[in-house]
Amino acid sequence: MNSDETAHARAALQHWRTWPGGVLCLHGEAGSGKSHLGAIWAGEAGAVSLRGPDLSLAFVESPKPDDRLTALIDDADQADETALFALLTRLERDGGAVLLLARQAPSLWPYHLADLRSRLRAVPHECLRPPEVPLLAQLIVRHAAAQGYRLDAASSTYLAERIPRTFEAAKAVTDRLQTVATYSLKSPMALAQRALRAYYPDAWHEADEPDTGDLFEA
């Protein structure tokens, strides 16, 4: 997922050993790619992965071989505020690296503890923008190829312009190829049209179809 939408985030993740305070937050709407990038980082850093609601004082205070905590915390804005404050305190005291994932920037998280809010305002963060049409089109081609189907630039762009701007949507619409491939289709565009119909079964408009003249073979 190397794109302009994720360039700054990927650069920040590469320098995880020097994060200020040992922490970084990636935030963005569902489907923005933060979980994907987080999983890649966790694998490279050897980080423990857990969800915010599972963060506890016991985890934060548990002994580590080198006393440096490395962790990925998804839905970090749902963590217990006492545990989250203890986590940030430990990182500042002992070092380590923790990647926080959430939909909003840390300064907007709904916590009431004044010291925690102050710490969160200082957490470095990167916002992931929704993917643009060219990136979605590339992903659609990639997902389709993984399933054994060929979509060209015109057909993949046709889909990318009509689905939600999320990585999940790009995967979901190409998953429909499995169900429409029983039809004998003449072109990649015809296959894309049928996949879009399956993706939006209750909201299809004939005017959205390009005039290919070959939706189905006889």
N, C-alpha and C. Protein backbone atom coordinates (compact mmCIF):
# COMPACT_ATOMS: atom_id res chain seq x y z
N MET A 1 0.84 -1.18 0.00
CA MET A 1 0.00 0.00 0.00
C MET A 1 0.89 1.24 0.00
N ASN A 2 1.75 1.37 -0.98
CA ASN A 2 2.64 2.51 -1.09
C ASN A 2 1.96 3.58 -1.92
N SER A 3 1.51 4.65 -1.29
CA SER A 3 0.76 5.68 -1.98
C SER A 3 0.97 7.00 -1.28
N ASP A 4 0.53 8.08 -1.96
CA ASP A 4 0.63 9.40 -1.34
C ASP A 4 -0.19 9.46 -0.06
N GLU A 5 -1.30 8.70 -0.01
CA GLU A 5 -2.18 8.74 1.15
C GLU A 5 -1.49 8.22 2.40
N THR A 6 -0.51 7.35 2.25
CA THR A 6 0.14 6.72 3.41
C THR A 6 1.62 7.07 3.53
N ALA A 7 2.12 7.94 2.67
CA ALA A 7 3.56 8.20 2.62
C ALA A 7 4.10 8.71 3.95
N HIS A 8 3.44 9.72 4.53
CA HIS A 8 3.93 10.29 5.79
C HIS A 8 3.87 9.27 6.92
N ALA A 9 2.79 8.50 6.94
CA ALA A 9 2.64 7.49 7.99
C ALA A 9 3.72 6.43 7.86
N ARG A 10 3.99 5.96 6.65
CA ARG A 10 5.02 4.94 6.47
C ARG A 10 6.38 5.45 6.87
N ALA A 11 6.66 6.72 6.55
CA ALA A 11 7.94 7.30 6.94
C ALA A 11 8.07 7.38 8.46
N ALA A 12 6.98 7.75 9.13
CA ALA A 12 7.00 7.84 10.60
C ALA A 12 7.21 6.46 11.23
N LEU A 13 6.59 5.45 10.65
CA LEU A 13 6.73 4.09 11.19
C LEU A 13 8.14 3.56 11.05
N GLN A 14 8.82 3.97 10.01
CA GLN A 14 10.19 3.50 9.80
C GLN A 14 11.15 4.01 10.88
N HIS A 15 10.78 5.12 11.53
CA HIS A 15 11.66 5.72 12.54
C HIS A 15 11.12 5.48 13.95
N TRP A 16 10.54 4.29 14.17
CA TRP A 16 9.87 4.03 15.43
C TRP A 16 10.81 4.02 16.63
N ARG A 17 12.06 3.77 16.40
CA ARG A 17 13.00 3.73 17.53
C ARG A 17 13.27 5.13 18.10
N THR A 18 12.89 6.15 17.36
CA THR A 18 13.15 7.52 17.83
C THR A 18 11.86 8.32 18.02
N TRP A 19 10.71 7.64 18.17
CA TRP A 19 9.47 8.38 18.43
C TRP A 19 9.58 9.17 19.73
N PRO A 20 9.17 10.43 19.72
CA PRO A 20 9.18 11.22 20.97
C PRO A 20 8.27 10.57 22.02
N GLY A 21 8.83 10.31 23.19
CA GLY A 21 8.05 9.66 24.23
C GLY A 21 7.77 8.20 23.97
N GLY A 22 8.35 7.65 22.87
CA GLY A 22 8.16 6.24 22.55
C GLY A 22 6.79 5.88 22.02
N VAL A 23 6.06 6.86 21.49
CA VAL A 23 4.69 6.58 21.07
C VAL A 23 4.33 7.36 19.80
N LEU A 24 3.46 6.74 19.00
CA LEU A 24 2.92 7.38 17.80
C LEU A 24 1.49 6.90 17.64
N CYS A 25 0.64 7.78 17.14
CA CYS A 25 -0.75 7.41 16.87
C CYS A 25 -1.03 7.55 15.38
N LEU A 26 -1.60 6.49 14.79
CA LEU A 26 -2.16 6.56 13.44
C LEU A 26 -3.67 6.65 13.59
N HIS A 27 -4.29 7.65 12.95
CA HIS A 27 -5.73 7.76 13.07
C HIS A 27 -6.35 8.02 11.70
N GLY A 28 -7.58 7.58 11.56
CA GLY A 28 -8.31 7.73 10.30
C GLY A 28 -9.59 6.92 10.37
N GLU A 29 -10.48 7.18 9.43
CA GLU A 29 -11.76 6.48 9.40
C GLU A 29 -11.56 5.00 9.12
N ALA A 30 -12.59 4.22 9.39
CA ALA A 30 -12.56 2.79 9.06
C ALA A 30 -12.24 2.62 7.58
N GLY A 31 -11.33 1.72 7.28
CA GLY A 31 -10.96 1.48 5.89
C GLY A 31 -9.84 2.36 5.39
N SER A 32 -9.27 3.19 6.26
CA SER A 32 -8.20 4.09 5.82
C SER A 32 -6.85 3.39 5.72
N GLY A 33 -6.74 2.17 6.27
CA GLY A 33 -5.51 1.41 6.15
C GLY A 33 -4.65 1.39 7.39
N LYS A 34 -5.13 1.97 8.49
CA LYS A 34 -4.29 2.03 9.69
C LYS A 34 -4.01 0.65 10.28
N SER A 35 -5.01 -0.24 10.26
CA SER A 35 -4.78 -1.59 10.80
C SER A 35 -3.78 -2.35 9.96
N HIS A 36 -3.83 -2.16 8.65
CA HIS A 36 -2.89 -2.83 7.75
C HIS A 36 -1.46 -2.35 8.02
N LEU A 37 -1.29 -1.03 8.11
CA LEU A 37 0.04 -0.49 8.39
C LEU A 37 0.51 -0.90 9.78
N GLY A 38 -0.43 -0.92 10.73
CA GLY A 38 -0.08 -1.31 12.08
C GLY A 38 0.41 -2.73 12.16
N ALA A 39 -0.25 -3.62 11.43
CA ALA A 39 0.15 -5.02 11.43
C ALA A 39 1.55 -5.20 10.83
N ILE A 40 1.84 -4.46 9.78
CA ILE A 40 3.17 -4.52 9.18
C ILE A 40 4.22 -4.05 10.18
N TRP A 41 3.92 -2.92 10.84
CA TRP A 41 4.87 -2.40 11.82
C TRP A 41 5.07 -3.38 12.98
N ALA A 42 3.99 -3.96 13.48
CA ALA A 42 4.09 -4.89 14.61
C ALA A 42 4.98 -6.08 14.25
N GLY A 43 4.85 -6.57 13.01
CA GLY A 43 5.69 -7.67 12.59
C GLY A 43 7.16 -7.30 12.53
N GLU A 44 7.44 -6.10 12.04
CA GLU A 44 8.83 -5.67 11.91
C GLU A 44 9.45 -5.33 13.27
N ALA A 45 8.63 -4.77 14.17
CA ALA A 45 9.15 -4.34 15.47
C ALA A 45 9.08 -5.44 16.53
N GLY A 46 8.42 -6.55 16.20
CA GLY A 46 8.23 -7.61 17.19
C GLY A 46 7.31 -7.18 18.31
N ALA A 47 6.29 -6.40 17.98
CA ALA A 47 5.41 -5.83 18.98
C ALA A 47 4.29 -6.78 19.38
N VAL A 48 3.87 -6.70 20.62
CA VAL A 48 2.68 -7.39 21.10
C VAL A 48 1.47 -6.61 20.60
N SER A 49 0.44 -7.30 20.12
CA SER A 49 -0.76 -6.64 19.60
C SER A 49 -1.94 -6.89 20.53
N LEU A 50 -2.67 -5.83 20.84
CA LEU A 50 -3.88 -5.96 21.64
C LEU A 50 -4.81 -4.80 21.34
N ARG A 51 -6.06 -4.94 21.76
CA ARG A 51 -7.05 -3.89 21.57
C ARG A 51 -7.11 -3.01 22.82
N GLY A 52 -7.53 -1.77 22.62
CA GLY A 52 -7.62 -0.84 23.72
C GLY A 52 -8.37 -1.36 24.93
N PRO A 53 -9.57 -1.95 24.75
CA PRO A 53 -10.32 -2.44 25.91
C PRO A 53 -9.57 -3.52 26.70
N ASP A 54 -8.56 -4.15 26.09
CA ASP A 54 -7.81 -5.21 26.77
C ASP A 54 -6.56 -4.69 27.48
N LEU A 55 -6.28 -3.39 27.32
CA LEU A 55 -5.11 -2.82 27.99
C LEU A 55 -5.38 -2.73 29.50
N SER A 56 -4.46 -3.24 30.29
CA SER A 56 -4.65 -3.27 31.74
C SER A 56 -3.37 -2.83 32.44
N LEU A 57 -3.51 -2.50 33.73
CA LEU A 57 -2.34 -2.15 34.53
C LEU A 57 -1.40 -3.34 34.64
N ALA A 58 -1.97 -4.54 34.69
CA ALA A 58 -1.14 -5.74 34.79
C ALA A 58 -0.25 -5.87 33.56
N PHE A 59 -0.80 -5.58 32.37
CA PHE A 59 0.00 -5.65 31.15
C PHE A 59 1.09 -4.59 31.18
N VAL A 60 0.72 -3.37 31.54
CA VAL A 60 1.67 -2.27 31.54
C VAL A 60 2.81 -2.52 32.52
N GLU A 61 2.50 -3.10 33.66
CA GLU A 61 3.49 -3.28 34.71
C GLU A 61 4.19 -4.63 34.66
N SER A 62 3.81 -5.49 33.72
CA SER A 62 4.44 -6.81 33.65
C SER A 62 5.90 -6.67 33.28
N PRO A 63 6.77 -7.51 33.86
CA PRO A 63 8.20 -7.42 33.57
C PRO A 63 8.50 -7.87 32.14
N LYS A 64 9.42 -7.19 31.51
CA LYS A 64 9.90 -7.55 30.18
C LYS A 64 11.39 -7.86 30.26
N PRO A 65 11.91 -8.73 29.37
CA PRO A 65 13.32 -9.11 29.45
C PRO A 65 14.27 -7.93 29.48
N ASP A 66 14.00 -6.88 28.66
CA ASP A 66 14.89 -5.72 28.63
C ASP A 66 14.21 -4.49 29.21
N ASP A 67 13.03 -4.67 29.83
CA ASP A 67 12.30 -3.58 30.46
C ASP A 67 11.86 -2.52 29.47
N ARG A 68 11.74 -2.88 28.21
CA ARG A 68 11.25 -1.95 27.19
C ARG A 68 10.02 -2.57 26.52
N LEU A 69 8.94 -1.84 26.56
CA LEU A 69 7.67 -2.34 26.06
C LEU A 69 7.50 -1.96 24.59
N THR A 70 7.16 -2.92 23.76
CA THR A 70 6.87 -2.68 22.35
C THR A 70 5.51 -3.27 22.05
N ALA A 71 4.54 -2.43 21.68
CA ALA A 71 3.17 -2.91 21.53
C ALA A 71 2.40 -2.11 20.48
N LEU A 72 1.43 -2.79 19.89
CA LEU A 72 0.46 -2.18 18.99
C LEU A 72 -0.89 -2.24 19.70
N ILE A 73 -1.56 -1.10 19.81
CA ILE A 73 -2.85 -1.05 20.50
C ILE A 73 -3.89 -0.48 19.55
N ASP A 74 -4.78 -1.35 19.07
CA ASP A 74 -5.87 -0.93 18.19
C ASP A 74 -7.03 -0.44 19.05
N ASP A 75 -7.84 0.47 18.48
CA ASP A 75 -8.93 1.08 19.26
C ASP A 75 -8.40 1.62 20.57
N ALA A 76 -7.28 2.33 20.49
CA ALA A 76 -6.61 2.82 21.69
C ALA A 76 -7.47 3.82 22.46
N ASP A 77 -8.40 4.48 21.78
CA ASP A 77 -9.25 5.46 22.45
C ASP A 77 -10.33 4.79 23.31
N GLN A 78 -10.36 3.45 23.32
CA GLN A 78 -11.30 2.72 24.16
C GLN A 78 -10.62 2.09 25.38
N ALA A 79 -9.36 2.43 25.59
CA ALA A 79 -8.62 1.86 26.72
C ALA A 79 -9.05 2.51 28.04
N ASP A 80 -8.88 1.78 29.12
CA ASP A 80 -9.08 2.33 30.45
C ASP A 80 -8.09 3.48 30.65
N GLU A 81 -8.59 4.62 31.15
CA GLU A 81 -7.72 5.80 31.20
C GLU A 81 -6.58 5.64 32.20
N THR A 82 -6.79 4.91 33.27
CA THR A 82 -5.71 4.69 34.22
C THR A 82 -4.60 3.85 33.60
N ALA A 83 -4.99 2.80 32.88
CA ALA A 83 -4.01 1.94 32.22
C ALA A 83 -3.27 2.69 31.12
N LEU A 84 -4.00 3.52 30.37
CA LEU A 84 -3.37 4.27 29.28
C LEU A 84 -2.39 5.30 29.83
N PHE A 85 -2.77 5.96 30.92
CA PHE A 85 -1.85 6.92 31.54
C PHE A 85 -0.60 6.21 32.06
N ALA A 86 -0.78 5.04 32.67
CA ALA A 86 0.36 4.27 33.15
C ALA A 86 1.27 3.85 32.01
N LEU A 87 0.65 3.52 30.88
CA LEU A 87 1.43 3.12 29.71
C LEU A 87 2.31 4.27 29.22
N LEU A 88 1.74 5.44 29.06
CA LEU A 88 2.51 6.58 28.58
C LEU A 88 3.59 6.97 29.58
N THR A 89 3.29 6.83 30.87
CA THR A 89 4.28 7.12 31.91
C THR A 89 5.45 6.14 31.84
N ARG A 90 5.14 4.87 31.64
CA ARG A 90 6.21 3.87 31.56
C ARG A 90 7.10 4.12 30.35
N LEU A 91 6.49 4.45 29.21
CA LEU A 91 7.28 4.69 28.01
C LEU A 91 8.24 5.86 28.22
N GLU A 92 7.74 6.90 28.85
CA GLU A 92 8.60 8.06 29.09
C GLU A 92 9.72 7.73 30.07
N ARG A 93 9.43 6.86 31.03
CA ARG A 93 10.42 6.51 32.05
C ARG A 93 11.43 5.48 31.57
N ASP A 94 10.93 4.41 30.92
CA ASP A 94 11.78 3.26 30.60
C ASP A 94 12.13 3.14 29.12
N GLY A 95 11.47 3.91 28.27
CA GLY A 95 11.68 3.74 26.84
C GLY A 95 10.79 2.63 26.29
N GLY A 96 10.88 2.41 25.00
CA GLY A 96 10.03 1.43 24.34
C GLY A 96 9.36 2.06 23.14
N ALA A 97 8.39 1.37 22.59
CA ALA A 97 7.67 1.89 21.43
C ALA A 97 6.26 1.33 21.42
N VAL A 98 5.28 2.20 21.35
CA VAL A 98 3.88 1.79 21.27
C VAL A 98 3.20 2.56 20.15
N LEU A 99 2.55 1.82 19.27
CA LEU A 99 1.77 2.40 18.18
C LEU A 99 0.30 2.34 18.55
N LEU A 100 -0.35 3.49 18.59
CA LEU A 100 -1.76 3.58 18.92
C LEU A 100 -2.56 3.78 17.65
N LEU A 101 -3.66 3.03 17.51
CA LEU A 101 -4.54 3.17 16.35
C LEU A 101 -5.91 3.63 16.84
N ALA A 102 -6.49 4.59 16.14
CA ALA A 102 -7.80 5.11 16.52
C ALA A 102 -8.39 5.86 15.34
N ARG A 103 -9.66 6.22 15.46
CA ARG A 103 -10.32 6.97 14.39
C ARG A 103 -10.03 8.47 14.47
N GLN A 104 -9.76 8.96 15.68
CA GLN A 104 -9.51 10.38 15.86
C GLN A 104 -8.14 10.62 16.47
N ALA A 105 -7.67 11.86 16.35
CA ALA A 105 -6.40 12.24 16.96
C ALA A 105 -6.49 12.12 18.47
N PRO A 106 -5.38 11.83 19.15
CA PRO A 106 -5.41 11.62 20.61
C PRO A 106 -6.01 12.79 21.39
N SER A 107 -5.83 14.01 20.92
CA SER A 107 -6.36 15.17 21.65
C SER A 107 -7.88 15.18 21.70
N LEU A 108 -8.53 14.37 20.85
CA LEU A 108 -9.99 14.33 20.80
C LEU A 108 -10.58 13.13 21.53
N TRP A 109 -9.74 12.30 22.12
CA TRP A 109 -10.26 11.11 22.80
C TRP A 109 -11.02 11.51 24.06
N PRO A 110 -12.09 10.79 24.38
CA PRO A 110 -13.01 11.21 25.45
C PRO A 110 -12.56 10.80 26.86
N TYR A 111 -11.44 11.37 27.29
CA TYR A 111 -10.95 11.07 28.63
C TYR A 111 -11.08 12.31 29.53
N HIS A 112 -11.19 12.06 30.83
CA HIS A 112 -11.42 13.15 31.78
C HIS A 112 -10.23 13.42 32.68
N LEU A 113 -9.33 12.46 32.82
CA LEU A 113 -8.15 12.64 33.67
C LEU A 113 -7.26 13.73 33.06
N ALA A 114 -7.07 14.82 33.81
CA ALA A 114 -6.36 15.98 33.28
C ALA A 114 -4.94 15.65 32.84
N ASP A 115 -4.24 14.86 33.65
CA ASP A 115 -2.85 14.52 33.31
C ASP A 115 -2.79 13.68 32.04
N LEU A 116 -3.77 12.79 31.86
CA LEU A 116 -3.81 11.97 30.66
C LEU A 116 -4.10 12.82 29.44
N ARG A 117 -5.05 13.73 29.55
CA ARG A 117 -5.37 14.61 28.41
C ARG A 117 -4.16 15.43 28.01
N SER A 118 -3.40 15.87 28.99
CA SER A 118 -2.19 16.63 28.70
C SER A 118 -1.17 15.78 27.96
N ARG A 119 -1.00 14.53 28.40
CA ARG A 119 -0.07 13.62 27.72
C ARG A 119 -0.53 13.34 26.29
N LEU A 120 -1.82 13.13 26.12
CA LEU A 120 -2.33 12.78 24.80
C LEU A 120 -2.18 13.93 23.80
N ARG A 121 -2.29 15.16 24.29
CA ARG A 121 -2.11 16.30 23.38
C ARG A 121 -0.69 16.35 22.84
N ALA A 122 0.25 15.75 23.56
CA ALA A 122 1.66 15.77 23.14
C ALA A 122 2.05 14.57 22.28
N VAL A 123 1.14 13.60 22.12
CA VAL A 123 1.46 12.40 21.35
C VAL A 123 1.57 12.73 19.86
N PRO A 124 2.68 12.40 19.21
CA PRO A 124 2.79 12.61 17.76
C PRO A 124 1.75 11.75 17.05
N HIS A 125 1.18 12.27 15.97
CA HIS A 125 0.16 11.50 15.28
C HIS A 125 0.19 11.77 13.78
N GLU A 126 -0.28 10.79 13.03
CA GLU A 126 -0.39 10.89 11.58
C GLU A 126 -1.81 10.52 11.18
N CYS A 127 -2.42 11.36 10.35
CA CYS A 127 -3.78 11.11 9.88
C CYS A 127 -3.73 10.42 8.51
N LEU A 128 -4.46 9.33 8.37
CA LEU A 128 -4.55 8.61 7.10
C LEU A 128 -5.79 9.07 6.36
N ARG A 129 -5.57 9.63 5.19
CA ARG A 129 -6.69 10.11 4.37
C ARG A 129 -7.35 8.95 3.63
N PRO A 130 -8.63 9.11 3.30
CA PRO A 130 -9.28 8.07 2.49
C PRO A 130 -8.53 7.90 1.17
N PRO A 131 -8.43 6.68 0.66
CA PRO A 131 -7.70 6.45 -0.59
C PRO A 131 -8.37 7.13 -1.77
N GLU A 132 -7.58 7.69 -2.66
CA GLU A 132 -8.10 8.32 -3.87
C GLU A 132 -8.40 7.24 -4.92
N VAL A 133 -9.11 7.65 -5.97
CA VAL A 133 -9.54 6.71 -7.01
C VAL A 133 -8.37 5.95 -7.64
N PRO A 134 -7.25 6.60 -7.99
CA PRO A 134 -6.15 5.82 -8.61
C PRO A 134 -5.65 4.68 -7.73
N LEU A 135 -5.53 4.93 -6.41
CA LEU A 135 -5.08 3.87 -5.52
C LEU A 135 -6.13 2.77 -5.41
N LEU A 136 -7.40 3.14 -5.28
CA LEU A 136 -8.45 2.13 -5.23
C LEU A 136 -8.45 1.28 -6.49
N ALA A 137 -8.26 1.92 -7.65
CA ALA A 137 -8.23 1.17 -8.91
C ALA A 137 -7.09 0.16 -8.92
N GLN A 138 -5.92 0.57 -8.41
CA GLN A 138 -4.78 -0.36 -8.34
C GLN A 138 -5.10 -1.55 -7.43
N LEU A 139 -5.72 -1.25 -6.29
CA LEU A 139 -6.07 -2.33 -5.37
C LEU A 139 -7.09 -3.28 -5.98
N ILE A 140 -8.05 -2.74 -6.71
CA ILE A 140 -9.07 -3.57 -7.35
C ILE A 140 -8.43 -4.51 -8.36
N VAL A 141 -7.51 -4.00 -9.16
CA VAL A 141 -6.79 -4.85 -10.11
C VAL A 141 -6.03 -5.95 -9.38
N ARG A 142 -5.38 -5.59 -8.26
CA ARG A 142 -4.60 -6.55 -7.49
C ARG A 142 -5.49 -7.62 -6.87
N HIS A 143 -6.61 -7.20 -6.26
CA HIS A 143 -7.52 -8.16 -5.65
C HIS A 143 -8.13 -9.09 -6.70
N ALA A 144 -8.48 -8.51 -7.86
CA ALA A 144 -9.07 -9.32 -8.92
C ALA A 144 -8.07 -10.35 -9.43
N ALA A 145 -6.82 -9.93 -9.61
CA ALA A 145 -5.79 -10.84 -10.10
C ALA A 145 -5.56 -11.99 -9.11
N ALA A 146 -5.64 -11.69 -7.81
CA ALA A 146 -5.46 -12.73 -6.81
C ALA A 146 -6.55 -13.80 -6.89
N GLN A 147 -7.70 -13.41 -7.44
CA GLN A 147 -8.79 -14.36 -7.62
C GLN A 147 -8.81 -14.98 -9.01
N GLY A 148 -7.85 -14.56 -9.85
CA GLY A 148 -7.76 -15.14 -11.19
C GLY A 148 -8.53 -14.39 -12.25
N TYR A 149 -8.89 -13.13 -11.98
CA TYR A 149 -9.65 -12.34 -12.96
C TYR A 149 -8.83 -11.14 -13.41
N ARG A 150 -9.02 -10.77 -14.67
CA ARG A 150 -8.27 -9.65 -15.23
C ARG A 150 -9.19 -8.44 -15.40
N LEU A 151 -8.84 -7.37 -14.71
CA LEU A 151 -9.52 -6.10 -14.91
C LEU A 151 -8.51 -5.10 -15.44
N ASP A 152 -8.87 -4.37 -16.47
CA ASP A 152 -7.95 -3.38 -17.03
C ASP A 152 -8.17 -2.04 -16.34
N ALA A 153 -7.42 -1.01 -16.79
CA ALA A 153 -7.48 0.30 -16.15
C ALA A 153 -8.88 0.91 -16.23
N ALA A 154 -9.53 0.75 -17.37
CA ALA A 154 -10.86 1.35 -17.53
C ALA A 154 -11.88 0.70 -16.60
N SER A 155 -11.86 -0.62 -16.51
CA SER A 155 -12.85 -1.31 -15.69
C SER A 155 -12.59 -1.11 -14.20
N SER A 156 -11.31 -1.10 -13.80
CA SER A 156 -11.00 -0.90 -12.38
C SER A 156 -11.31 0.54 -11.95
N THR A 157 -11.05 1.50 -12.83
CA THR A 157 -11.39 2.89 -12.52
C THR A 157 -12.90 3.08 -12.45
N TYR A 158 -13.62 2.41 -13.33
CA TYR A 158 -15.08 2.43 -13.31
C TYR A 158 -15.60 2.02 -11.94
N LEU A 159 -15.05 0.96 -11.38
CA LEU A 159 -15.46 0.51 -10.06
C LEU A 159 -15.01 1.48 -8.97
N ALA A 160 -13.76 1.93 -9.05
CA ALA A 160 -13.21 2.80 -8.01
C ALA A 160 -13.99 4.09 -7.88
N GLU A 161 -14.54 4.57 -8.98
CA GLU A 161 -15.30 5.83 -8.95
C GLU A 161 -16.70 5.66 -8.37
N ARG A 162 -17.15 4.41 -8.17
CA ARG A 162 -18.54 4.18 -7.78
C ARG A 162 -18.70 3.50 -6.42
N ILE A 163 -17.59 3.15 -5.79
CA ILE A 163 -17.66 2.50 -4.48
C ILE A 163 -17.19 3.47 -3.41
N PRO A 164 -17.47 3.19 -2.13
CA PRO A 164 -16.94 4.03 -1.05
C PRO A 164 -15.42 4.07 -1.10
N ARG A 165 -14.83 5.18 -0.69
CA ARG A 165 -13.38 5.33 -0.74
C ARG A 165 -12.74 4.69 0.48
N THR A 166 -12.81 3.36 0.52
CA THR A 166 -12.18 2.60 1.60
C THR A 166 -11.50 1.38 1.01
N PHE A 167 -10.50 0.87 1.72
CA PHE A 167 -9.81 -0.33 1.29
C PHE A 167 -10.74 -1.54 1.38
N GLU A 168 -11.63 -1.53 2.38
CA GLU A 168 -12.58 -2.62 2.51
C GLU A 168 -13.50 -2.71 1.31
N ALA A 169 -13.93 -1.56 0.79
CA ALA A 169 -14.83 -1.56 -0.36
C ALA A 169 -14.14 -2.11 -1.60
N ALA A 170 -12.88 -1.78 -1.79
CA ALA A 170 -12.13 -2.30 -2.94
C ALA A 170 -12.05 -3.82 -2.88
N LYS A 171 -11.85 -4.35 -1.68
CA LYS A 171 -11.81 -5.81 -1.53
C LYS A 171 -13.20 -6.41 -1.70
N ALA A 172 -14.20 -5.75 -1.13
CA ALA A 172 -15.56 -6.30 -1.15
C ALA A 172 -16.13 -6.37 -2.57
N VAL A 173 -15.89 -5.35 -3.38
CA VAL A 173 -16.47 -5.37 -4.72
C VAL A 173 -15.80 -6.43 -5.58
N THR A 174 -14.49 -6.66 -5.37
CA THR A 174 -13.84 -7.71 -6.17
C THR A 174 -14.21 -9.10 -5.66
N ASP A 175 -14.62 -9.21 -4.39
CA ASP A 175 -15.12 -10.49 -3.91
C ASP A 175 -16.37 -10.91 -4.67
N ARG A 176 -17.10 -9.93 -5.20
CA ARG A 176 -18.32 -10.24 -5.96
C ARG A 176 -18.00 -10.93 -7.28
N LEU A 177 -16.75 -10.83 -7.73
CA LEU A 177 -16.38 -11.47 -8.99
C LEU A 177 -16.60 -12.97 -8.93
N GLN A 178 -16.42 -13.55 -7.75
CA GLN A 178 -16.62 -14.99 -7.60
C GLN A 178 -18.06 -15.39 -7.90
N THR A 179 -19.00 -14.49 -7.60
CA THR A 179 -20.41 -14.82 -7.78
C THR A 179 -20.92 -14.50 -9.17
N VAL A 180 -20.25 -13.60 -9.88
CA VAL A 180 -20.74 -13.21 -11.21
C VAL A 180 -19.98 -13.90 -12.33
N ALA A 181 -18.90 -14.60 -12.01
CA ALA A 181 -18.08 -15.20 -13.06
C ALA A 181 -18.73 -16.39 -13.74
N THR A 182 -19.87 -16.83 -13.24
CA THR A 182 -20.57 -17.91 -13.92
C THR A 182 -21.19 -17.42 -15.22
N TYR A 183 -21.33 -16.11 -15.34
CA TYR A 183 -21.82 -15.53 -16.59
C TYR A 183 -20.67 -15.46 -17.59
N SER A 184 -21.00 -15.64 -18.85
CA SER A 184 -19.98 -15.55 -19.89
C SER A 184 -19.91 -14.10 -20.35
N LEU A 185 -18.90 -13.40 -19.88
CA LEU A 185 -18.77 -11.98 -20.13
C LEU A 185 -17.72 -11.71 -21.20
N LYS A 186 -17.99 -10.72 -22.02
CA LYS A 186 -17.11 -10.47 -23.16
C LYS A 186 -15.88 -9.64 -22.81
N SER A 187 -15.94 -8.83 -21.76
CA SER A 187 -14.86 -7.88 -21.51
C SER A 187 -14.67 -7.64 -20.03
N PRO A 188 -13.49 -7.10 -19.64
CA PRO A 188 -13.29 -6.72 -18.24
C PRO A 188 -14.35 -5.73 -17.76
N MET A 189 -14.75 -4.80 -18.64
CA MET A 189 -15.76 -3.83 -18.24
C MET A 189 -17.09 -4.50 -17.94
N ALA A 190 -17.44 -5.50 -18.73
CA ALA A 190 -18.68 -6.22 -18.47
C ALA A 190 -18.62 -6.94 -17.13
N LEU A 191 -17.47 -7.50 -16.81
CA LEU A 191 -17.29 -8.17 -15.54
C LEU A 191 -17.39 -7.17 -14.39
N ALA A 192 -16.80 -5.98 -14.59
CA ALA A 192 -16.87 -4.94 -13.57
C ALA A 192 -18.31 -4.48 -13.36
N GLN A 193 -19.06 -4.34 -14.45
CA GLN A 193 -20.46 -3.93 -14.34
C GLN A 193 -21.25 -4.94 -13.50
N ARG A 194 -21.02 -6.20 -13.79
CA ARG A 194 -21.78 -7.22 -13.08
C ARG A 194 -21.38 -7.25 -11.59
N ALA A 195 -20.09 -7.05 -11.30
CA ALA A 195 -19.64 -7.01 -9.91
C ALA A 195 -20.27 -5.84 -9.16
N LEU A 196 -20.36 -4.69 -9.84
CA LEU A 196 -20.97 -3.52 -9.20
C LEU A 196 -22.46 -3.75 -8.95
N ARG A 197 -23.13 -4.41 -9.87
CA ARG A 197 -24.54 -4.74 -9.67
C ARG A 197 -24.71 -5.63 -8.44
N ALA A 198 -23.79 -6.58 -8.26
CA ALA A 198 -23.86 -7.48 -7.11
C ALA A 198 -23.53 -6.73 -5.82
N TYR A 199 -22.67 -5.73 -5.91
CA TYR A 199 -22.27 -4.95 -4.73
C TYR A 199 -23.40 -4.02 -4.29
N TYR A 200 -24.15 -3.48 -5.27
CA TYR A 200 -25.26 -2.59 -4.98
C TYR A 200 -26.56 -3.17 -5.55
N PRO A 201 -27.04 -4.29 -5.03
CA PRO A 201 -28.22 -4.94 -5.62
C PRO A 201 -29.50 -4.11 -5.53
N ASP A 202 -29.58 -3.20 -4.56
CA ASP A 202 -30.80 -2.43 -4.38
C ASP A 202 -30.68 -0.98 -4.83
N ALA A 203 -29.54 -0.64 -5.40
CA ALA A 203 -29.35 0.76 -5.78
C ALA A 203 -28.65 0.87 -7.12
N TRP A 204 -29.07 0.01 -8.06
CA TRP A 204 -28.42 0.02 -9.37
C TRP A 204 -29.16 0.95 -10.31
N HIS A 205 -28.39 1.75 -11.07
CA HIS A 205 -28.98 2.66 -12.04
C HIS A 205 -28.38 2.37 -13.41
N GLU A 206 -29.23 2.10 -14.37
CA GLU A 206 -28.74 1.78 -15.72
C GLU A 206 -27.88 2.90 -16.26
N ALA A 207 -28.15 4.15 -15.86
CA ALA A 207 -27.38 5.27 -16.38
C ALA A 207 -25.92 5.21 -15.95
N ASP A 208 -25.63 4.41 -14.91
CA ASP A 208 -24.25 4.29 -14.46
C ASP A 208 -23.43 3.38 -15.35
N GLU A 209 -24.08 2.61 -16.21
CA GLU A 209 -23.36 1.68 -17.07
C GLU A 209 -22.73 2.41 -18.26
N PRO A 210 -21.46 2.20 -18.53
CA PRO A 210 -20.90 2.71 -19.77
C PRO A 210 -21.50 1.92 -20.95
N ASP A 211 -21.57 2.56 -22.07
CA ASP A 211 -22.20 1.92 -23.23
C ASP A 211 -21.20 1.00 -23.92
N THR A 212 -21.04 -0.21 -23.39
CA THR A 212 -20.09 -1.15 -23.98
C THR A 212 -20.73 -1.99 -25.06
N GLY A 213 -22.03 -2.18 -24.94
CA GLY A 213 -22.74 -2.99 -25.92
C GLY A 213 -22.46 -4.48 -25.79
N ASP A 214 -21.78 -4.88 -24.73
CA ASP A 214 -21.42 -6.31 -24.60
C ASP A 214 -21.49 -6.76 -23.15
N LEU A 215 -22.55 -6.37 -22.44
CA LEU A 215 -22.65 -6.77 -21.04
C LEU A 215 -22.61 -8.27 -20.89
N PHE A 216 -23.35 -9.01 -21.74
CA PHE A 216 -23.34 -10.46 -21.68
C PHE A 216 -23.24 -11.05 -23.08
N GLU A 217 -22.61 -12.19 -23.12
CA GLU A 217 -22.65 -12.96 -24.35
C GLU A 217 -23.96 -13.75 -24.40
N ALA A 218 -24.41 -14.03 -25.59
CA ALA A 218 -25.61 -14.85 -25.74
C ALA A 218 -25.29 -16.27 -25.35
